[in-house]
């Protein structure tokens, strides 16, 4: 199990993962921050980047805010290296 902080930018021009904001990984999604649409988009985008299923990406804190804590239920080997590479983008 791996936990990490993210900073969400809803309503972006495109879905993207990369960069760092106050130690948190930046995740930009096109979906608006309405009725959980951005949270669902965040789960899908992160799952795609990390090579896991979207149902394995859980928002454990910050459901209604831009700053969230993400938990990977089944983290693949080397996920910490992938996260570090994404922060350096």
Protein backbone atom coordinates (compact mmCIF):
# COMPACT_ATOMS: atom_id res chain seq x y z
CA UNK A 1 0.00 0.00 0.00
CA UNK A 2 1.35 3.38 -1.03
CA UNK A 3 0.03 6.80 -0.07
CA UNK A 4 0.95 10.14 -1.66
CA UNK A 5 -0.35 13.70 -1.83
CA UNK A 6 -1.68 15.32 -4.99
CA UNK A 7 -2.83 18.81 -5.99
CA UNK A 8 -5.73 18.76 -8.46
CA UNK A 9 -6.33 21.36 -11.15
CA UNK A 10 -9.90 20.77 -12.41
CA UNK A 11 -11.16 22.33 -15.62
CA UNK A 12 -7.74 22.18 -17.32
CA UNK A 13 -7.29 22.16 -21.11
CA UNK A 14 -6.10 18.54 -21.03
CA UNK A 15 -5.59 15.65 -18.64
CA UNK A 16 -2.00 15.53 -17.43
CA UNK A 17 0.16 14.39 -14.54
CA UNK A 18 3.41 16.09 -13.72
CA UNK A 19 5.06 18.72 -11.62
CA UNK A 20 5.05 19.48 -7.95
CA UNK A 21 3.17 21.93 -5.73
CA UNK A 22 4.30 22.14 -2.08
CA UNK A 23 5.53 18.54 -2.19
CA UNK A 24 2.38 17.17 -3.84
CA UNK A 25 2.13 15.68 -7.33
CA UNK A 26 0.12 17.93 -9.68
CA UNK A 27 -2.78 16.28 -11.55
CA UNK A 28 -4.66 18.33 -14.16
CA UNK A 29 -8.04 17.09 -15.41
CA UNK A 30 -10.53 18.46 -17.91
CA UNK A 31 -13.49 17.48 -15.73
CA UNK A 32 -15.10 20.21 -13.63
CA UNK A 33 -15.11 20.05 -9.84
CA UNK A 34 -18.83 19.25 -9.76
CA UNK A 35 -20.52 16.17 -8.28
CA UNK A 36 -17.28 14.19 -7.99
CA UNK A 37 -16.50 14.34 -11.71
CA UNK A 38 -12.98 15.66 -11.11
CA UNK A 39 -12.28 12.95 -8.51
CA UNK A 40 -13.29 10.23 -10.96
CA UNK A 41 -11.13 11.80 -13.68
CA UNK A 42 -8.18 11.98 -11.25
CA UNK A 43 -8.54 8.28 -10.47
CA UNK A 44 -8.55 7.36 -14.17
CA UNK A 45 -5.62 9.59 -15.10
CA UNK A 46 -3.48 8.38 -12.20
CA UNK A 47 -4.34 4.74 -12.90
CA UNK A 48 -3.27 5.17 -16.51
CA UNK A 49 0.05 6.83 -15.56
CA UNK A 50 0.86 4.32 -12.82
CA UNK A 51 -0.24 1.19 -14.67
CA UNK A 52 -2.95 0.11 -12.23
CA UNK A 53 -6.73 -0.26 -12.39
CA UNK A 54 -8.74 2.88 -11.57
CA UNK A 55 -10.56 1.03 -8.79
CA UNK A 56 -7.17 0.53 -7.07
CA UNK A 57 -6.71 4.32 -6.80
CA UNK A 58 -8.52 5.60 -3.71
CA UNK A 59 -9.05 9.16 -2.50
CA UNK A 60 -8.64 8.75 1.27
CA UNK A 61 -8.56 12.42 2.22
CA UNK A 62 -9.62 15.69 0.57
CA UNK A 63 -12.69 14.47 -1.31
CA UNK A 64 -13.98 18.04 -1.69
CA UNK A 65 -10.72 19.99 -1.93
CA UNK A 66 -7.87 20.45 -4.39
CA UNK A 67 -5.35 18.84 -2.03
CA UNK A 68 -5.94 15.11 -1.73
CA UNK A 69 -4.29 12.04 -0.25
CA UNK A 70 -4.26 9.08 -2.63
CA UNK A 71 -3.84 5.44 -1.66
CA UNK A 72 -2.88 2.68 -4.08
CA UNK A 73 -4.43 -0.56 -2.89
CA UNK A 74 -2.17 -2.73 -5.05
CA UNK A 75 0.94 -0.69 -5.80
CA UNK A 76 3.18 -2.20 -8.49
CA UNK A 77 6.90 -2.61 -7.93
CA UNK A 78 8.84 0.59 -8.56
CA UNK A 79 5.86 2.91 -8.06
CA UNK A 80 7.98 5.27 -5.95
CA UNK A 81 10.38 5.75 -8.88
CA UNK A 82 7.45 6.48 -11.23
CA UNK A 83 6.05 9.05 -8.78
CA UNK A 84 9.45 10.73 -8.49
CA UNK A 85 9.71 10.91 -12.30
CA UNK A 86 6.23 12.41 -12.55
CA UNK A 87 7.07 15.08 -9.95
CA UNK A 88 10.18 16.01 -11.96
CA UNK A 89 8.20 16.59 -15.20
